[in-house]
């Protein structure tokens, strides 16, 4: 991993979960790589990642998690592209 990538990921961790942050709460995130437009086994660039807490990323403890139901997640919180745009405007 390049130094610039590591620094960007650190910014994402400092920012917190993008969904929780929209509600004024900081939660420790994990990094979600946006897969839209990518082939099988490929990862998107570092700039196309979202910080999501475990509950919004995989577990669904708040009712909806991306990997537990993408359609329901995007209906409730917005698409990956919309969340990425919101995030980039605030970093």
PDB file of N, CA and C in Angstrom:
ATOM      1  N   UNK A   1       0.851  -1.177   0.000  1.00  0.00           N
ATOM      2  CA  UNK A   1       0.000   0.000   0.000  1.00  0.00           C
ATOM      3  C   UNK A   1       0.898   1.242   0.000  1.00  0.00           C
ATOM      4  N   UNK A   2       0.561   2.176  -0.858  1.00  0.00           N
ATOM      5  CA  UNK A   2       1.313   3.418  -0.945  1.00  0.00           C
ATOM      6  C   UNK A   2       1.041   4.286   0.283  1.00  0.00           C
ATOM      7  N   UNK A   3       1.988   5.169   0.571  1.00  0.00           N
ATOM      8  CA  UNK A   3       1.841   6.072   1.703  1.00  0.00           C
ATOM      9  C   UNK A   3       0.593   6.942   1.559  1.00  0.00           C
ATOM     10  N   UNK A   4       0.330   7.426   0.351  1.00  0.00           N
ATOM     11  CA  UNK A   4      -0.844   8.282   0.132  1.00  0.00           C
ATOM     12  C   UNK A   4      -2.144   7.507   0.370  1.00  0.00           C
ATOM     13  N   UNK A   5      -2.162   6.230   0.020  1.00  0.00           N
ATOM     14  CA  UNK A   5      -3.346   5.397   0.262  1.00  0.00           C
ATOM     15  C   UNK A   5      -3.557   5.193   1.758  1.00  0.00           C
ATOM     16  N   UNK A   6      -2.484   4.920   2.454  1.00  0.00           N
ATOM     17  CA  UNK A   6      -2.567   4.731   3.906  1.00  0.00           C
ATOM     18  C   UNK A   6      -3.073   6.006   4.581  1.00  0.00           C
ATOM     19  N   UNK A   7      -2.573   7.149   4.158  1.00  0.00           N
ATOM     20  CA  UNK A   7      -3.011   8.426   4.728  1.00  0.00           C
ATOM     21  C   UNK A   7      -4.491   8.676   4.444  1.00  0.00           C
ATOM     22  N   UNK A   8      -4.951   8.305   3.250  1.00  0.00           N
ATOM     23  CA  UNK A   8      -6.362   8.487   2.906  1.00  0.00           C
ATOM     24  C   UNK A   8      -7.241   7.586   3.775  1.00  0.00           C
ATOM     25  N   UNK A   9      -6.840   6.326   3.949  1.00  0.00           N
ATOM     26  CA  UNK A   9      -7.595   5.406   4.808  1.00  0.00           C
ATOM     27  C   UNK A   9      -7.640   5.925   6.245  1.00  0.00           C
ATOM     28  N   UNK A  10      -6.556   6.514   6.717  1.00  0.00           N
ATOM     29  CA  UNK A  10      -6.540   7.095   8.064  1.00  0.00           C
ATOM     30  C   UNK A  10      -7.552   8.237   8.173  1.00  0.00           C
ATOM     31  N   UNK A  11      -7.674   9.040   7.105  1.00  0.00           N
ATOM     32  CA  UNK A  11      -8.681  10.111   7.084  1.00  0.00           C
ATOM     33  C   UNK A  11     -10.089   9.531   7.191  1.00  0.00           C
ATOM     34  N   UNK A  12     -10.319   8.437   6.480  1.00  0.00           N
ATOM     35  CA  UNK A  12     -11.634   7.801   6.511  1.00  0.00           C
ATOM     36  C   UNK A  12     -11.959   7.284   7.909  1.00  0.00           C
ATOM     37  N   UNK A  13     -10.975   6.689   8.560  1.00  0.00           N
ATOM     38  CA  UNK A  13     -11.180   6.184   9.923  1.00  0.00           C
ATOM     39  C   UNK A  13     -11.462   7.345  10.872  1.00  0.00           C
ATOM     40  N   UNK A  14     -10.728   8.436  10.730  1.00  0.00           N
ATOM     41  CA  UNK A  14     -10.969   9.624  11.565  1.00  0.00           C
ATOM     42  C   UNK A  14     -12.363  10.197  11.316  1.00  0.00           C
ATOM     43  N   UNK A  15     -12.832  10.137  10.081  1.00  0.00           N
ATOM     44  CA  UNK A  15     -14.151  10.669   9.732  1.00  0.00           C
ATOM     45  C   UNK A  15     -15.254   9.837  10.383  1.00  0.00           C
ATOM     46  N   UNK A  16     -15.102   8.533  10.361  1.00  0.00           N
ATOM     47  CA  UNK A  16     -16.109   7.635  10.922  1.00  0.00           C
ATOM     48  C   UNK A  16     -17.086   7.142   9.876  1.00  0.00           C
ATOM     49  N   UNK A  17     -18.004   6.334  10.302  1.00  0.00           N
ATOM     50  CA  UNK A  17     -19.021   5.761   9.417  1.00  0.00           C
ATOM     51  C   UNK A  17     -19.811   6.886   8.746  1.00  0.00           C
ATOM     52  N   UNK A  18     -19.878   6.843   7.431  1.00  0.00           N
ATOM     53  CA  UNK A  18     -20.551   7.901   6.676  1.00  0.00           C
ATOM     54  C   UNK A  18     -22.052   7.951   6.996  1.00  0.00           C
ATOM     55  N   UNK A  19     -22.674   6.804   7.245  1.00  0.00           N
ATOM     56  CA  UNK A  19     -24.108   6.783   7.561  1.00  0.00           C
ATOM     57  C   UNK A  19     -24.349   7.364   8.952  1.00  0.00           C
ATOM     58  N   UNK A  20     -23.570   6.919   9.925  1.00  0.00           N
ATOM     59  CA  UNK A  20     -23.725   7.441  11.293  1.00  0.00           C
ATOM     60  C   UNK A  20     -23.415   8.933  11.343  1.00  0.00           C
ATOM     61  N   UNK A  21     -22.378   9.347  10.618  1.00  0.00           N
ATOM     62  CA  UNK A  21     -21.957  10.756  10.620  1.00  0.00           C
ATOM     63  C   UNK A  21     -23.066  11.664  10.098  1.00  0.00           C
ATOM     64  N   UNK A  22     -23.833  11.184   9.126  1.00  0.00           N
ATOM     65  CA  UNK A  22     -24.952  11.984   8.610  1.00  0.00           C
ATOM     66  C   UNK A  22     -25.982  12.230   9.704  1.00  0.00           C
ATOM     67  N   UNK A  23     -25.971  11.382  10.732  1.00  0.00           N
ATOM     68  CA  UNK A  23     -26.876  11.542  11.875  1.00  0.00           C
ATOM     69  C   UNK A  23     -26.169  12.175  13.075  1.00  0.00           C
ATOM     70  N   UNK A  24     -24.964  12.695  12.858  1.00  0.00           N
ATOM     71  CA  UNK A  24     -24.256  13.405  13.901  1.00  0.00           C
ATOM     72  C   UNK A  24     -23.549  12.538  14.926  1.00  0.00           C
ATOM     73  N   UNK A  25     -23.298  11.268  14.582  1.00  0.00           N
ATOM     74  CA  UNK A  25     -22.671  10.331  15.518  1.00  0.00           C
ATOM     75  C   UNK A  25     -21.387   9.790  14.903  1.00  0.00           C
ATOM     76  N   UNK A  26     -20.319   9.701  15.711  1.00  0.00           N
ATOM     77  CA  UNK A  26     -19.093   9.052  15.243  1.00  0.00           C
ATOM     78  C   UNK A  26     -19.108   7.594  15.667  1.00  0.00           C
ATOM     79  N   UNK A  27     -18.849   6.706  14.713  1.00  0.00           N
ATOM     80  CA  UNK A  27     -18.614   5.301  15.025  1.00  0.00           C
ATOM     81  C   UNK A  27     -17.385   4.843  14.249  1.00  0.00           C
ATOM     82  N   UNK A  28     -16.612   3.981  14.861  1.00  0.00           N
ATOM     83  CA  UNK A  28     -15.390   3.441  14.251  1.00  0.00           C
ATOM     84  C   UNK A  28     -15.757   2.646  12.999  1.00  0.00           C
ATOM     85  N   UNK A  29     -15.194   3.009  11.848  1.00  0.00           N
ATOM     86  CA  UNK A  29     -15.567   2.321  10.619  1.00  0.00           C
ATOM     87  C   UNK A  29     -14.585   1.226  10.205  1.00  0.00           C
ATOM     88  N   UNK A  30     -15.068   0.390   9.317  1.00  0.00           N
ATOM     89  CA  UNK A  30     -14.208  -0.452   8.503  1.00  0.00           C
ATOM     90  C   UNK A  30     -14.319   0.137   7.095  1.00  0.00           C
ATOM     91  N   UNK A  31     -13.460  -0.275   6.195  1.00  0.00           N
ATOM     92  CA  UNK A  31     -13.435   0.317   4.863  1.00  0.00           C
ATOM     93  C   UNK A  31     -14.224  -0.561   3.894  1.00  0.00           C
ATOM     94  N   UNK A  32     -15.189   0.054   3.231  1.00  0.00           N
ATOM     95  CA  UNK A  32     -16.009  -0.626   2.227  1.00  0.00           C
ATOM     96  C   UNK A  32     -15.519  -0.193   0.854  1.00  0.00           C
ATOM     97  N   UNK A  33     -15.068  -1.161   0.048  1.00  0.00           N
ATOM     98  CA  UNK A  33     -14.630  -0.875  -1.317  1.00  0.00           C
ATOM     99  C   UNK A  33     -15.840  -0.935  -2.245  1.00  0.00           C
ATOM    100  N   UNK A  34     -16.109   0.145  -2.916  1.00  0.00           N
ATOM    101  CA  UNK A  34     -17.234   0.201  -3.848  1.00  0.00           C
ATOM    102  C   UNK A  34     -16.927  -0.723  -5.022  1.00  0.00           C
ATOM    103  N   UNK A  35     -17.860  -1.610  -5.331  1.00  0.00           N
ATOM    104  CA  UNK A  35     -17.647  -2.614  -6.370  1.00  0.00           C
ATOM    105  C   UNK A  35     -18.307  -2.237  -7.698  1.00  0.00           C
ATOM    106  N   UNK A  36     -19.149  -1.236  -7.690  1.00  0.00           N
ATOM    107  CA  UNK A  36     -19.857  -0.811  -8.898  1.00  0.00           C
ATOM    108  C   UNK A  36     -18.877  -0.605 -10.042  1.00  0.00           C
ATOM    109  N   UNK A  37     -19.118  -1.278 -11.163  1.00  0.00           N
ATOM    110  CA  UNK A  37     -18.278  -1.129 -12.341  1.00  0.00           C
ATOM    111  C   UNK A  37     -16.996  -1.937 -12.319  1.00  0.00           C
ATOM    112  N   UNK A  38     -16.797  -2.748 -11.296  1.00  0.00           N
ATOM    113  CA  UNK A  38     -15.576  -3.547 -11.184  1.00  0.00           C
ATOM    114  C   UNK A  38     -15.870  -4.997 -11.590  1.00  0.00           C
ATOM    115  N   UNK A  39     -14.854  -5.682 -12.083  1.00  0.00           N
ATOM    116  CA  UNK A  39     -14.991  -7.091 -12.437  1.00  0.00           C
ATOM    117  C   UNK A  39     -14.840  -7.969 -11.209  1.00  0.00           C
ATOM    118  N   UNK A  40     -15.084  -9.242 -11.383  1.00  0.00           N
ATOM    119  CA  UNK A  40     -14.954 -10.208 -10.290  1.00  0.00           C
ATOM    120  C   UNK A  40     -13.504 -10.219  -9.802  1.00  0.00           C
ATOM    121  N   UNK A  41     -13.337 -10.148  -8.500  1.00  0.00           N
ATOM    122  CA  UNK A  41     -12.005 -10.203  -7.894  1.00  0.00           C
ATOM    123  C   UNK A  41     -11.220  -8.911  -7.984  1.00  0.00           C
ATOM    124  N   UNK A  42     -11.809  -7.853  -8.513  1.00  0.00           N
ATOM    125  CA  UNK A  42     -11.108  -6.574  -8.618  1.00  0.00           C
ATOM    126  C   UNK A  42     -11.542  -5.650  -7.497  1.00  0.00           C
ATOM    127  N   UNK A  43     -10.625  -4.783  -7.093  1.00  0.00           N
ATOM    128  CA  UNK A  43     -10.924  -3.761  -6.088  1.00  0.00           C
ATOM    129  C   UNK A  43     -10.870  -2.398  -6.726  1.00  0.00           C
ATOM    130  N   UNK A  44     -11.755  -1.545  -6.297  1.00  0.00           N
ATOM    131  CA  UNK A  44     -11.783  -0.178  -6.782  1.00  0.00           C
ATOM    132  C   UNK A  44     -10.602   0.595  -6.202  1.00  0.00           C
ATOM    133  N   UNK A  45     -10.369   1.781  -6.716  1.00  0.00           N
ATOM    134  CA  UNK A  45      -9.276   2.605  -6.213  1.00  0.00           C
ATOM    135  C   UNK A  45      -9.538   3.050  -4.777  1.00  0.00           C
ATOM    136  N   UNK A  46      -8.504   3.478  -4.120  1.00  0.00           N
ATOM    137  CA  UNK A  46      -8.580   3.935  -2.734  1.00  0.00           C
ATOM    138  C   UNK A  46      -9.591   5.066  -2.571  1.00  0.00           C
ATOM    139  N   UNK A  47      -9.671   5.939  -3.562  1.00  0.00           N
ATOM    140  CA  UNK A  47     -10.573   7.084  -3.480  1.00  0.00           C
ATOM    141  C   UNK A  47     -12.042   6.686  -3.588  1.00  0.00           C
ATOM    142  N   UNK A  48     -12.300   5.462  -3.980  1.00  0.00           N
ATOM    143  CA  UNK A  48     -13.677   4.989  -4.122  1.00  0.00           C
ATOM    144  C   UNK A  48     -14.013   3.978  -3.031  1.00  0.00           C
ATOM    145  N   UNK A  49     -13.783   4.399  -1.812  1.00  0.00           N
ATOM    146  CA  UNK A  49     -14.091   3.593  -0.633  1.00  0.00           C
ATOM    147  C   UNK A  49     -14.949   4.412   0.316  1.00  0.00           C
ATOM    148  N   UNK A  50     -15.769   3.713   1.064  1.00  0.00           N
ATOM    149  CA  UNK A  50     -16.610   4.370   2.062  1.00  0.00           C
ATOM    150  C   UNK A  50     -16.278   3.834   3.444  1.00  0.00           C
ATOM    151  N   UNK A  51     -16.200   4.716   4.432  1.00  0.00           N
ATOM    152  CA  UNK A  51     -16.071   4.234   5.802  1.00  0.00           C
ATOM    153  C   UNK A  51     -17.460   3.859   6.327  1.00  0.00           C
ATOM    154  N   UNK A  52     -17.631   2.609   6.700  1.00  0.00           N
ATOM    155  CA  UNK A  52     -18.902   2.131   7.248  1.00  0.00           C
ATOM    156  C   UNK A  52     -18.629   1.362   8.527  1.00  0.00           C
ATOM    157  N   UNK A  53     -19.414   1.625   9.559  1.00  0.00           N
ATOM    158  CA  UNK A  53     -19.274   0.863  10.797  1.00  0.00           C
ATOM    159  C   UNK A  53     -19.717  -0.576  10.531  1.00  0.00           C
ATOM    160  N   UNK A  54     -19.315  -1.517  11.372  1.00  0.00           N
ATOM    161  CA  UNK A  54     -19.699  -2.918  11.142  1.00  0.00           C
ATOM    162  C   UNK A  54     -21.207  -3.126  10.995  1.00  0.00           C
ATOM    163  N   UNK A  55     -21.994  -2.373  11.720  1.00  0.00           N
ATOM    164  CA  UNK A  55     -23.443  -2.555  11.636  1.00  0.00           C
ATOM    165  C   UNK A  55     -24.025  -2.068  10.306  1.00  0.00           C
ATOM    166  N   UNK A  56     -23.441  -1.021   9.716  1.00  0.00           N
ATOM    167  CA  UNK A  56     -23.919  -0.558   8.413  1.00  0.00           C
ATOM    168  C   UNK A  56     -23.200  -1.257   7.264  1.00  0.00           C
ATOM    169  N   UNK A  57     -22.072  -1.883   7.555  1.00  0.00           N
ATOM    170  CA  UNK A  57     -21.296  -2.545   6.514  1.00  0.00           C
ATOM    171  C   UNK A  57     -21.749  -3.985   6.305  1.00  0.00           C
ATOM    172  N   UNK A  58     -21.794  -4.771   7.394  1.00  0.00           N
ATOM    173  CA  UNK A  58     -22.045  -6.203   7.226  1.00  0.00           C
ATOM    174  C   UNK A  58     -23.109  -6.803   8.129  1.00  0.00           C
ATOM    175  N   UNK A  59     -23.304  -6.273   9.311  1.00  0.00           N
ATOM    176  CA  UNK A  59     -24.103  -6.975  10.307  1.00  0.00           C
ATOM    177  C   UNK A  59     -25.574  -6.600  10.371  1.00  0.00           C
ATOM    178  N   UNK A  60     -25.936  -5.410  10.014  1.00  0.00           N
ATOM    179  CA  UNK A  60     -27.336  -5.032   9.996  1.00  0.00           C
ATOM    180  C   UNK A  60     -27.974  -4.827  11.352  1.00  0.00           C
ATOM    181  N   UNK A  61     -27.204  -4.507  12.361  1.00  0.00           N
ATOM    182  CA  UNK A  61     -27.754  -4.288  13.689  1.00  0.00           C
ATOM    183  C   UNK A  61     -28.675  -3.079  13.774  1.00  0.00           C
ATOM    184  N   UNK A  62     -28.564  -2.152  12.817  1.00  0.00           N
ATOM    185  CA  UNK A  62     -29.445  -0.993  12.779  1.00  0.00           C
ATOM    186  C   UNK A  62     -30.607  -1.249  11.827  1.00  0.00           C
ATOM    187  N   UNK A  63     -30.794  -2.479  11.450  1.00  0.00           N
ATOM    188  CA  UNK A  63     -31.874  -2.837  10.552  1.00  0.00           C
ATOM    189  C   UNK A  63     -31.433  -3.060   9.119  1.00  0.00           C
ATOM    190  N   UNK A  64     -30.399  -2.348   8.668  1.00  0.00           N
ATOM    191  CA  UNK A  64     -29.968  -2.458   7.278  1.00  0.00           C
ATOM    192  C   UNK A  64     -28.446  -2.338   7.201  1.00  0.00           C
ATOM    193  N   UNK A  65     -27.812  -3.328   6.572  1.00  0.00           N
ATOM    194  CA  UNK A  65     -26.366  -3.268   6.313  1.00  0.00           C
ATOM    195  C   UNK A  65     -26.148  -3.508   4.823  1.00  0.00           C
ATOM    196  N   UNK A  66     -25.114  -2.903   4.276  1.00  0.00           N
ATOM    197  CA  UNK A  66     -24.861  -2.997   2.843  1.00  0.00           C
ATOM    198  C   UNK A  66     -24.774  -4.447   2.381  1.00  0.00           C
ATOM    199  N   UNK A  67     -23.928  -5.238   3.010  1.00  0.00           N
ATOM    200  CA  UNK A  67     -23.725  -6.618   2.564  1.00  0.00           C
ATOM    201  C   UNK A  67     -24.825  -7.563   3.029  1.00  0.00           C
ATOM    202  N   UNK A  68     -25.745  -7.097   3.836  1.00  0.00           N
ATOM    203  CA  UNK A  68     -26.878  -7.916   4.253  1.00  0.00           C
ATOM    204  C   UNK A  68     -28.110  -7.615   3.408  1.00  0.00           C
ATOM    205  N   UNK A  69     -28.009  -6.603   2.553  1.00  0.00           N
ATOM    206  CA  UNK A  69     -29.130  -6.235   1.688  1.00  0.00           C
ATOM    207  C   UNK A  69     -28.887  -4.914   1.008  1.00  0.00           C
ATOM    208  N   UNK A  70     -28.173  -4.939  -0.112  1.00  0.00           N
ATOM    209  CA  UNK A  70     -27.787  -3.718  -0.815  1.00  0.00           C
ATOM    210  C   UNK A  70     -28.994  -2.860  -1.195  1.00  0.00           C
ATOM    211  N   UNK A  71     -30.033  -3.471  -1.733  1.00  0.00           N
ATOM    212  CA  UNK A  71     -31.200  -2.707  -2.181  1.00  0.00           C
ATOM    213  C   UNK A  71     -31.847  -1.952  -1.019  1.00  0.00           C
ATOM    214  N   UNK A  72     -32.070  -2.641   0.087  1.00  0.00           N
ATOM    215  CA  UNK A  72     -32.677  -1.998   1.259  1.00  0.00           C
ATOM    216  C   UNK A  72     -31.759  -0.918   1.825  1.00  0.00           C
ATOM    217  N   UNK A  73     -30.458  -1.190   1.849  1.00  0.00           N
ATOM    218  CA  UNK A  73     -29.482  -0.207   2.333  1.00  0.00           C
ATOM    219  C   UNK A  73     -29.570   1.065   1.494  1.00  0.00           C
ATOM    220  N   UNK A  74     -29.530   0.919   0.165  1.00  0.00           N
ATOM    221  CA  UNK A  74     -29.528   2.088  -0.708  1.00  0.00           C
ATOM    222  C   UNK A  74     -30.860   2.826  -0.673  1.00  0.00           C
ATOM    223  N   UNK A  75     -31.964   2.127  -0.481  1.00  0.00           N
ATOM    224  CA  UNK A  75     -33.252   2.799  -0.355  1.00  0.00           C
ATOM    225  C   UNK A  75     -33.304   3.652   0.912  1.00  0.00           C
ATOM    226  N   UNK A  76     -32.679   3.162   1.966  1.00  0.00           N
ATOM    227  CA  UNK A  76     -32.730   3.872   3.245  1.00  0.00           C
ATOM    228  C   UNK A  76     -31.675   4.969   3.365  1.00  0.00           C
ATOM    229  N   UNK A  77     -30.442   4.687   2.903  1.00  0.00           N
ATOM    230  CA  UNK A  77     -29.325   5.604   3.147  1.00  0.00           C
ATOM    231  C   UNK A  77     -28.774   6.291   1.900  1.00  0.00           C
ATOM    232  N   UNK A  78     -29.151   5.833   0.727  1.00  0.00           N
ATOM    233  CA  UNK A  78     -28.615   6.375  -0.516  1.00  0.00           C
ATOM    234  C   UNK A  78     -27.676   5.388  -1.182  1.00  0.00           C
ATOM    235  N   UNK A  79     -27.376   5.647  -2.441  1.00  0.00           N
ATOM    236  CA  UNK A  79     -26.480   4.770  -3.186  1.00  0.00           C
ATOM    237  C   UNK A  79     -25.040   4.986  -2.731  1.00  0.00           C
ATOM    238  N   UNK A  80     -24.188   4.055  -3.118  1.00  0.00           N
ATOM    239  CA  UNK A  80     -22.765   4.206  -2.816  1.00  0.00           C
ATOM    240  C   UNK A  80     -22.235   5.509  -3.411  1.00  0.00           C
ATOM    241  N   UNK A  81     -22.650   5.818  -4.634  1.00  0.00           N
ATOM    242  CA  UNK A  81     -22.190   7.045  -5.294  1.00  0.00           C
ATOM    243  C   UNK A  81     -22.658   8.291  -4.548  1.00  0.00           C
ATOM    244  N   UNK A  82     -23.893   8.287  -4.075  1.00  0.00           N
ATOM    245  CA  UNK A  82     -24.420   9.434  -3.321  1.00  0.00           C
ATOM    246  C   UNK A  82     -23.675   9.596  -1.997  1.00  0.00           C
ATOM    247  N   UNK A  83     -23.426   8.493  -1.313  1.00  0.00           N
ATOM    248  CA  UNK A  83     -22.692   8.560  -0.044  1.00  0.00           C
ATOM    249  C   UNK A  83     -21.247   9.008  -0.271  1.00  0.00           C
ATOM    250  N   UNK A  84     -20.634   8.534  -1.355  1.00  0.00           N
ATOM    251  CA  UNK A  84     -19.261   8.933  -1.672  1.00  0.00           C
ATOM    252  C   UNK A  84     -19.190  10.430  -1.975  1.00  0.00           C
ATOM    253  N   UNK A  85     -20.145  10.933  -2.718  1.00  0.00           N
ATOM    254  CA  UNK A  85     -20.185  12.369  -3.026  1.00  0.00           C
ATOM    255  C   UNK A  85     -20.332  13.187  -1.737  1.00  0.00           C
ATOM    256  N   UNK A  86     -21.217  12.748  -0.843  1.00  0.00           N
ATOM    257  CA  UNK A  86     -21.430  13.430   0.435  1.00  0.00           C
ATOM    258  C   UNK A  86     -20.144  13.427   1.258  1.00  0.00           C
ATOM    259  N   UNK A  87     -19.497  12.277   1.292  1.00  0.00           N
ATOM    260  CA  UNK A  87     -18.236  12.138   2.043  1.00  0.00           C
ATOM    261  C   UNK A  87     -17.155  13.062   1.490  1.00  0.00           C
ATOM    262  N   UNK A  88     -16.945  13.026   0.192  1.00  0.00           N
ATOM    263  CA  UNK A  88     -15.863  13.813  -0.423  1.00  0.00           C
ATOM    264  C   UNK A  88     -16.083  15.317  -0.231  1.00  0.00           C
ATOM    265  N   UNK A  89     -17.332  15.750  -0.150  1.00  0.00           N
ATOM    266  CA  UNK A  89     -17.615  17.163   0.088  1.00  0.00           C
ATOM    267  C   UNK A  89     -17.228  17.577   1.509  1.00  0.00           C
ATOM    268  N   UNK A  90     -17.035  16.603   2.392  1.00  0.00           N
ATOM    269  CA  UNK A  90     -16.758  16.907   3.811  1.00  0.00           C
ATOM    270  C   UNK A  90     -15.357  16.532   4.268  1.00  0.00           C
ATOM    271  N   UNK A  91     -14.598  15.864   3.433  1.00  0.00           N
ATOM    272  CA  UNK A  91     -13.230  15.507   3.826  1.00  0.00           C
ATOM    273  C   UNK A  91     -12.278  16.672   3.678  1.00  0.00           C
TER     274      UNK A  91
END
